[in-house]
């Protein structure tokens, strides 16, 4: 995810139901893997944008050991 996106944008791109996107966004947020920006309107509507803190994942398998490295987005830690 290069730029922040709304739940509607994510759902449209992934063809996933909104309920699924909201549930997965909450899991990623709780795991501190996304940045959230936005507000809640006076009517109670959410106007939030989400951006991944992870650019990629690198994994290596060696002699039964698994190593996993998260590659951060440029704006979240060292590139």
PDB file of N, CA and C in Angstrom:
ATOM      1  N   UNK A   1       0.853  -1.163   0.000  1.00  0.00           N
ATOM      2  CA  UNK A   1       0.000   0.000   0.000  1.00  0.00           C
ATOM      3  C   UNK A   1       0.903   1.232   0.000  1.00  0.00           C
ATOM      4  N   UNK A   2       0.940   1.945  -1.121  1.00  0.00           N
ATOM      5  CA  UNK A   2       1.826   3.102  -1.230  1.00  0.00           C
ATOM      6  C   UNK A   2       1.238   4.362  -0.619  1.00  0.00           C
ATOM      7  N   UNK A   3      -0.078   4.527  -0.694  1.00  0.00           N
ATOM      8  CA  UNK A   3      -0.700   5.723  -0.139  1.00  0.00           C
ATOM      9  C   UNK A   3      -1.834   5.294   0.781  1.00  0.00           C
ATOM     10  N   UNK A   4      -2.196   6.154   1.728  1.00  0.00           N
ATOM     11  CA  UNK A   4      -3.308   5.803   2.615  1.00  0.00           C
ATOM     12  C   UNK A   4      -4.596   5.582   1.820  1.00  0.00           C
ATOM     13  N   UNK A   5      -5.387   4.600   2.265  1.00  0.00           N
ATOM     14  CA  UNK A   5      -6.634   4.277   1.581  1.00  0.00           C
ATOM     15  C   UNK A   5      -7.756   4.099   2.593  1.00  0.00           C
ATOM     16  N   UNK A   6      -8.963   4.348   2.137  1.00  0.00           N
ATOM     17  CA  UNK A   6     -10.144   4.144   2.972  1.00  0.00           C
ATOM     18  C   UNK A   6     -10.560   2.682   2.910  1.00  0.00           C
ATOM     19  N   UNK A   7     -11.440   2.284   3.818  1.00  0.00           N
ATOM     20  CA  UNK A   7     -11.969   0.923   3.814  1.00  0.00           C
ATOM     21  C   UNK A   7     -12.703   0.666   2.503  1.00  0.00           C
ATOM     22  N   UNK A   8     -13.427   1.644   2.009  1.00  0.00           N
ATOM     23  CA  UNK A   8     -14.157   1.491   0.746  1.00  0.00           C
ATOM     24  C   UNK A   8     -13.190   1.209  -0.405  1.00  0.00           C
ATOM     25  N   UNK A   9     -12.068   1.937  -0.458  1.00  0.00           N
ATOM     26  CA  UNK A   9     -11.070   1.714  -1.509  1.00  0.00           C
ATOM     27  C   UNK A   9     -10.460   0.320  -1.393  1.00  0.00           C
ATOM     28  N   UNK A  10     -10.131  -0.080  -0.183  1.00  0.00           N
ATOM     29  CA  UNK A  10      -9.529  -1.401   0.035  1.00  0.00           C
ATOM     30  C   UNK A  10     -10.516  -2.497  -0.360  1.00  0.00           C
ATOM     31  N   UNK A  11     -11.778  -2.345   0.034  1.00  0.00           N
ATOM     32  CA  UNK A  11     -12.794  -3.342  -0.303  1.00  0.00           C
ATOM     33  C   UNK A  11     -12.985  -3.438  -1.813  1.00  0.00           C
ATOM     34  N   UNK A  12     -13.001  -2.297  -2.493  1.00  0.00           N
ATOM     35  CA  UNK A  12     -13.185  -2.304  -3.945  1.00  0.00           C
ATOM     36  C   UNK A  12     -12.000  -2.971  -4.644  1.00  0.00           C
ATOM     37  N   UNK A  13     -10.785  -2.677  -4.199  1.00  0.00           N
ATOM     38  CA  UNK A  13      -9.591  -3.251  -4.819  1.00  0.00           C
ATOM     39  C   UNK A  13      -9.470  -4.757  -4.571  1.00  0.00           C
ATOM     40  N   UNK A  14      -9.864  -5.185  -3.393  1.00  0.00           N
ATOM     41  CA  UNK A  14      -9.698  -6.595  -3.031  1.00  0.00           C
ATOM     42  C   UNK A  14     -10.955  -7.421  -3.282  1.00  0.00           C
ATOM     43  N   UNK A  15     -12.054  -6.727  -3.585  1.00  0.00           N
ATOM     44  CA  UNK A  15     -13.357  -7.386  -3.774  1.00  0.00           C
ATOM     45  C   UNK A  15     -13.784  -8.162  -2.524  1.00  0.00           C
ATOM     46  N   UNK A  16     -13.381  -7.654  -1.373  1.00  0.00           N
ATOM     47  CA  UNK A  16     -13.748  -8.262  -0.097  1.00  0.00           C
ATOM     48  C   UNK A  16     -14.934  -7.501   0.500  1.00  0.00           C
ATOM     49  N   UNK A  17     -15.782  -8.189   1.255  1.00  0.00           N
ATOM     50  CA  UNK A  17     -16.899  -7.501   1.921  1.00  0.00           C
ATOM     51  C   UNK A  17     -16.381  -6.467   2.923  1.00  0.00           C
ATOM     52  N   UNK A  18     -17.147  -5.390   3.092  1.00  0.00           N
ATOM     53  CA  UNK A  18     -16.743  -4.335   4.029  1.00  0.00           C
ATOM     54  C   UNK A  18     -16.516  -4.889   5.432  1.00  0.00           C
ATOM     55  N   UNK A  19     -17.375  -5.809   5.874  1.00  0.00           N
ATOM     56  CA  UNK A  19     -17.226  -6.361   7.221  1.00  0.00           C
ATOM     57  C   UNK A  19     -15.878  -7.072   7.378  1.00  0.00           C
ATOM     58  N   UNK A  20     -15.452  -7.765   6.339  1.00  0.00           N
ATOM     59  CA  UNK A  20     -14.164  -8.454   6.373  1.00  0.00           C
ATOM     60  C   UNK A  20     -13.023  -7.457   6.426  1.00  0.00           C
ATOM     61  N   UNK A  21     -13.108  -6.392   5.624  1.00  0.00           N
ATOM     62  CA  UNK A  21     -12.056  -5.377   5.603  1.00  0.00           C
ATOM     63  C   UNK A  21     -11.965  -4.694   6.962  1.00  0.00           C
ATOM     64  N   UNK A  22     -13.097  -4.313   7.544  1.00  0.00           N
ATOM     65  CA  UNK A  22     -13.077  -3.677   8.869  1.00  0.00           C
ATOM     66  C   UNK A  22     -12.470  -4.610   9.909  1.00  0.00           C
ATOM     67  N   UNK A  23     -12.815  -5.892   9.865  1.00  0.00           N
ATOM     68  CA  UNK A  23     -12.291  -6.857  10.836  1.00  0.00           C
ATOM     69  C   UNK A  23     -10.771  -7.006  10.688  1.00  0.00           C
ATOM     70  N   UNK A  24     -10.312  -7.101   9.450  1.00  0.00           N
ATOM     71  CA  UNK A  24      -8.867  -7.267   9.230  1.00  0.00           C
ATOM     72  C   UNK A  24      -8.097  -5.989   9.544  1.00  0.00           C
ATOM     73  N   UNK A  25      -8.689  -4.842   9.254  1.00  0.00           N
ATOM     74  CA  UNK A  25      -8.060  -3.559   9.619  1.00  0.00           C
ATOM     75  C   UNK A  25      -7.878  -3.500  11.129  1.00  0.00           C
ATOM     76  N   UNK A  26      -8.882  -3.936  11.884  1.00  0.00           N
ATOM     77  CA  UNK A  26      -8.784  -3.919  13.345  1.00  0.00           C
ATOM     78  C   UNK A  26      -7.659  -4.829  13.829  1.00  0.00           C
ATOM     79  N   UNK A  27      -7.524  -6.008  13.219  1.00  0.00           N
ATOM     80  CA  UNK A  27      -6.448  -6.931  13.594  1.00  0.00           C
ATOM     81  C   UNK A  27      -5.081  -6.296  13.308  1.00  0.00           C
ATOM     82  N   UNK A  28      -4.931  -5.684  12.126  1.00  0.00           N
ATOM     83  CA  UNK A  28      -3.666  -5.032  11.768  1.00  0.00           C
ATOM     84  C   UNK A  28      -3.372  -3.858  12.693  1.00  0.00           C
ATOM     85  N   UNK A  29      -4.407  -3.089  13.040  1.00  0.00           N
ATOM     86  CA  UNK A  29      -4.234  -1.949  13.948  1.00  0.00           C
ATOM     87  C   UNK A  29      -3.800  -2.437  15.332  1.00  0.00           C
ATOM     88  N   UNK A  30      -4.479  -3.465  15.838  1.00  0.00           N
ATOM     89  CA  UNK A  30      -4.128  -4.013  17.158  1.00  0.00           C
ATOM     90  C   UNK A  30      -2.701  -4.553  17.174  1.00  0.00           C
ATOM     91  N   UNK A  31      -2.238  -5.032  16.025  1.00  0.00           N
ATOM     92  CA  UNK A  31      -0.880  -5.570  15.900  1.00  0.00           C
ATOM     93  C   UNK A  31       0.151  -4.492  15.577  1.00  0.00           C
ATOM     94  N   UNK A  32      -0.306  -3.243  15.497  1.00  0.00           N
ATOM     95  CA  UNK A  32       0.557  -2.092  15.219  1.00  0.00           C
ATOM     96  C   UNK A  32       1.245  -2.193  13.859  1.00  0.00           C
ATOM     97  N   UNK A  33       0.533  -2.755  12.867  1.00  0.00           N
ATOM     98  CA  UNK A  33       1.088  -2.911  11.527  1.00  0.00           C
ATOM     99  C   UNK A  33       0.565  -1.875  10.533  1.00  0.00           C
ATOM    100  N   UNK A  34      -0.395  -1.045  10.966  1.00  0.00           N
ATOM    101  CA  UNK A  34      -0.901   0.016  10.094  1.00  0.00           C
ATOM    102  C   UNK A  34      -0.979   1.316  10.864  1.00  0.00           C
ATOM    103  N   UNK A  35      -0.937   2.394  10.112  1.00  0.00           N
ATOM    104  CA  UNK A  35      -1.120   3.734  10.657  1.00  0.00           C
ATOM    105  C   UNK A  35      -2.510   4.194  10.259  1.00  0.00           C
ATOM    106  N   UNK A  36      -3.227   4.776  11.200  1.00  0.00           N
ATOM    107  CA  UNK A  36      -4.580   5.252  10.952  1.00  0.00           C
ATOM    108  C   UNK A  36      -4.612   6.766  11.097  1.00  0.00           C
ATOM    109  N   UNK A  37      -5.285   7.421  10.150  1.00  0.00           N
ATOM    110  CA  UNK A  37      -5.501   8.856  10.270  1.00  0.00           C
ATOM    111  C   UNK A  37      -6.939   9.138   9.877  1.00  0.00           C
ATOM    112  N   UNK A  38      -7.546  10.123  10.506  1.00  0.00           N
ATOM    113  CA  UNK A  38      -8.912  10.466  10.162  1.00  0.00           C
ATOM    114  C   UNK A  38      -9.688  10.963  11.358  1.00  0.00           C
ATOM    115  N   UNK A  39     -11.010  10.901  11.224  1.00  0.00           N
ATOM    116  CA  UNK A  39     -11.887  11.447  12.247  1.00  0.00           C
ATOM    117  C   UNK A  39     -13.238  10.745  12.204  1.00  0.00           C
ATOM    118  N   UNK A  40     -14.067  11.019  13.202  1.00  0.00           N
ATOM    119  CA  UNK A  40     -15.456  10.573  13.201  1.00  0.00           C
ATOM    120  C   UNK A  40     -16.316  11.828  13.133  1.00  0.00           C
ATOM    121  N   UNK A  41     -17.243  11.853  12.177  1.00  0.00           N
ATOM    122  CA  UNK A  41     -18.084  13.033  11.972  1.00  0.00           C
ATOM    123  C   UNK A  41     -19.108  13.167  13.090  1.00  0.00           C
ATOM    124  N   UNK A  42     -19.790  14.310  13.121  1.00  0.00           N
ATOM    125  CA  UNK A  42     -20.851  14.532  14.113  1.00  0.00           C
ATOM    126  C   UNK A  42     -21.976  13.506  13.972  1.00  0.00           C
ATOM    127  N   UNK A  43     -22.155  12.993  12.743  1.00  0.00           N
ATOM    128  CA  UNK A  43     -23.186  11.978  12.496  1.00  0.00           C
ATOM    129  C   UNK A  43     -22.718  10.581  12.880  1.00  0.00           C
ATOM    130  N   UNK A  44     -21.469  10.462  13.314  1.00  0.00           N
ATOM    131  CA  UNK A  44     -20.929   9.176  13.737  1.00  0.00           C
ATOM    132  C   UNK A  44     -20.277   8.362  12.625  1.00  0.00           C
ATOM    133  N   UNK A  45     -20.127   8.975  11.443  1.00  0.00           N
ATOM    134  CA  UNK A  45     -19.484   8.262  10.337  1.00  0.00           C
ATOM    135  C   UNK A  45     -17.971   8.288  10.509  1.00  0.00           C
ATOM    136  N   UNK A  46     -17.341   7.170  10.150  1.00  0.00           N
ATOM    137  CA  UNK A  46     -15.879   7.077  10.192  1.00  0.00           C
ATOM    138  C   UNK A  46     -15.314   7.618   8.892  1.00  0.00           C
ATOM    139  N   UNK A  47     -14.346   8.479   9.011  1.00  0.00           N
ATOM    140  CA  UNK A  47     -13.611   8.983   7.856  1.00  0.00           C
ATOM    141  C   UNK A  47     -12.128   8.722   8.126  1.00  0.00           C
ATOM    142  N   UNK A  48     -11.734   7.474   7.986  1.00  0.00           N
ATOM    143  CA  UNK A  48     -10.368   7.075   8.295  1.00  0.00           C
ATOM    144  C   UNK A  48      -9.636   6.596   7.047  1.00  0.00           C
ATOM    145  N   UNK A  49      -8.332   6.824   7.037  1.00  0.00           N
ATOM    146  CA  UNK A  49      -7.452   6.299   6.006  1.00  0.00           C
ATOM    147  C   UNK A  49      -6.429   5.416   6.693  1.00  0.00           C
ATOM    148  N   UNK A  50      -6.007   4.377   5.994  1.00  0.00           N
ATOM    149  CA  UNK A  50      -5.092   3.399   6.568  1.00  0.00           C
ATOM    150  C   UNK A  50      -3.884   3.227   5.665  1.00  0.00           C
ATOM    151  N   UNK A  51      -2.704   3.096   6.288  1.00  0.00           N
ATOM    152  CA  UNK A  51      -1.475   2.887   5.534  1.00  0.00           C
ATOM    153  C   UNK A  51      -0.648   1.824   6.244  1.00  0.00           C
ATOM    154  N   UNK A  52      -0.143   0.888   5.461  1.00  0.00           N
ATOM    155  CA  UNK A  52       0.671  -0.188   6.011  1.00  0.00           C
ATOM    156  C   UNK A  52       2.025   0.337   6.472  1.00  0.00           C
ATOM    157  N   UNK A  53       2.484  -0.174   7.592  1.00  0.00           N
ATOM    158  CA  UNK A  53       3.830   0.135   8.051  1.00  0.00           C
ATOM    159  C   UNK A  53       4.840  -0.839   7.443  1.00  0.00           C
ATOM    160  N   UNK A  54       4.336  -1.865   6.757  1.00  0.00           N
ATOM    161  CA  UNK A  54       5.187  -2.914   6.198  1.00  0.00           C
ATOM    162  C   UNK A  54       5.175  -2.836   4.678  1.00  0.00           C
ATOM    163  N   UNK A  55       6.374  -2.744   4.100  1.00  0.00           N
ATOM    164  CA  UNK A  55       6.503  -2.720   2.643  1.00  0.00           C
ATOM    165  C   UNK A  55       6.561  -4.132   2.078  1.00  0.00           C
ATOM    166  N   UNK A  56       7.178  -5.036   2.824  1.00  0.00           N
ATOM    167  CA  UNK A  56       7.309  -6.407   2.348  1.00  0.00           C
ATOM    168  C   UNK A  56       7.747  -7.328   3.466  1.00  0.00           C
ATOM    169  N   UNK A  57       7.797  -8.596   3.126  1.00  0.00           N
ATOM    170  CA  UNK A  57       8.220  -9.617   4.077  1.00  0.00           C
ATOM    171  C   UNK A  57       9.270 -10.490   3.392  1.00  0.00           C
ATOM    172  N   UNK A  58      10.356 -10.727   4.096  1.00  0.00           N
ATOM    173  CA  UNK A  58      11.420 -11.594   3.583  1.00  0.00           C
ATOM    174  C   UNK A  58      11.483 -12.815   4.493  1.00  0.00           C
ATOM    175  N   UNK A  59      11.465 -13.991   3.890  1.00  0.00           N
ATOM    176  CA  UNK A  59      11.555 -15.202   4.704  1.00  0.00           C
ATOM    177  C   UNK A  59      12.633 -16.121   4.145  1.00  0.00           C
ATOM    178  N   UNK A  60      13.276 -16.829   5.057  1.00  0.00           N
ATOM    179  CA  UNK A  60      14.317 -17.782   4.691  1.00  0.00           C
ATOM    180  C   UNK A  60      14.081 -19.075   5.458  1.00  0.00           C
ATOM    181  N   UNK A  61      14.276 -20.187   4.763  1.00  0.00           N
ATOM    182  CA  UNK A  61      14.161 -21.500   5.362  1.00  0.00           C
ATOM    183  C   UNK A  61      15.533 -22.163   5.289  1.00  0.00           C
ATOM    184  N   UNK A  62      16.074 -22.596   6.446  1.00  0.00           N
ATOM    185  CA  UNK A  62      17.397 -23.198   6.466  1.00  0.00           C
ATOM    186  C   UNK A  62      17.453 -24.249   7.568  1.00  0.00           C
ATOM    187  N   UNK A  63      17.705 -25.489   7.180  1.00  0.00           N
ATOM    188  CA  UNK A  63      17.828 -26.593   8.141  1.00  0.00           C
ATOM    189  C   UNK A  63      16.666 -26.646   9.141  1.00  0.00           C
ATOM    190  N   UNK A  64      15.463 -26.497   8.643  1.00  0.00           N
ATOM    191  CA  UNK A  64      14.282 -26.570   9.504  1.00  0.00           C
ATOM    192  C   UNK A  64      13.989 -25.312  10.278  1.00  0.00           C
ATOM    193  N   UNK A  65      14.799 -24.278  10.111  1.00  0.00           N
ATOM    194  CA  UNK A  65      14.562 -22.997  10.784  1.00  0.00           C
ATOM    195  C   UNK A  65      13.920 -22.029   9.798  1.00  0.00           C
ATOM    196  N   UNK A  66      13.020 -21.226  10.313  1.00  0.00           N
ATOM    197  CA  UNK A  66      12.367 -20.196   9.504  1.00  0.00           C
ATOM    198  C   UNK A  66      12.731 -18.836  10.073  1.00  0.00           C
ATOM    199  N   UNK A  67      13.242 -17.973   9.229  1.00  0.00           N
ATOM    200  CA  UNK A  67      13.517 -16.583   9.608  1.00  0.00           C
ATOM    201  C   UNK A  67      12.600 -15.680   8.814  1.00  0.00           C
ATOM    202  N   UNK A  68      11.941 -14.762   9.500  1.00  0.00           N
ATOM    203  CA  UNK A  68      11.036 -13.830   8.847  1.00  0.00           C
ATOM    204  C   UNK A  68      11.463 -12.415   9.206  1.00  0.00           C
ATOM    205  N   UNK A  69      11.578 -11.578   8.194  1.00  0.00           N
ATOM    206  CA  UNK A  69      11.967 -10.174   8.391  1.00  0.00           C
ATOM    207  C   UNK A  69      10.907  -9.284   7.760  1.00  0.00           C
ATOM    208  N   UNK A  70      10.413  -8.321   8.527  1.00  0.00           N
ATOM    209  CA  UNK A  70       9.480  -7.335   7.991  1.00  0.00           C
ATOM    210  C   UNK A  70      10.275  -6.170   7.422  1.00  0.00           C
ATOM    211  N   UNK A  71       9.953  -5.776   6.204  1.00  0.00           N
ATOM    212  CA  UNK A  71      10.619  -4.646   5.559  1.00  0.00           C
ATOM    213  C   UNK A  71       9.702  -3.442   5.719  1.00  0.00           C
ATOM    214  N   UNK A  72      10.122  -2.432   6.509  1.00  0.00           N
ATOM    215  CA  UNK A  72       9.236  -1.288   6.786  1.00  0.00           C
ATOM    216  C   UNK A  72       9.083  -0.361   5.578  1.00  0.00           C
ATOM    217  N   UNK A  73       7.922   0.303   5.522  1.00  0.00           N
ATOM    218  CA  UNK A  73       7.742   1.380   4.554  1.00  0.00           C
ATOM    219  C   UNK A  73       8.726   2.489   4.888  1.00  0.00           C
ATOM    220  N   UNK A  74       9.087   3.282   3.910  1.00  0.00           N
ATOM    221  CA  UNK A  74      10.093   4.327   4.106  1.00  0.00           C
ATOM    222  C   UNK A  74       9.718   5.284   5.226  1.00  0.00           C
ATOM    223  N   UNK A  75       8.453   5.543   5.420  1.00  0.00           N
ATOM    224  CA  UNK A  75       8.027   6.510   6.430  1.00  0.00           C
ATOM    225  C   UNK A  75       7.953   5.918   7.828  1.00  0.00           C
ATOM    226  N   UNK A  76       8.243   4.618   7.961  1.00  0.00           N
ATOM    227  CA  UNK A  76       8.123   3.956   9.242  1.00  0.00           C
ATOM    228  C   UNK A  76       9.404   3.190   9.551  1.00  0.00           C
ATOM    229  N   UNK A  77      10.416   3.876   9.929  1.00  0.00           N
ATOM    230  CA  UNK A  77      11.666   3.214  10.274  1.00  0.00           C
ATOM    231  C   UNK A  77      12.679   3.337   9.159  1.00  0.00           C
ATOM    232  N   UNK A  78      13.761   2.626   9.296  1.00  0.00           N
ATOM    233  CA  UNK A  78      14.840   2.718   8.322  1.00  0.00           C
ATOM    234  C   UNK A  78      14.470   1.993   7.038  1.00  0.00           C
ATOM    235  N   UNK A  79      14.680   2.636   5.862  1.00  0.00           N
ATOM    236  CA  UNK A  79      14.356   1.983   4.599  1.00  0.00           C
ATOM    237  C   UNK A  79      15.297   0.847   4.282  1.00  0.00           C
TER     238      UNK A  79
END
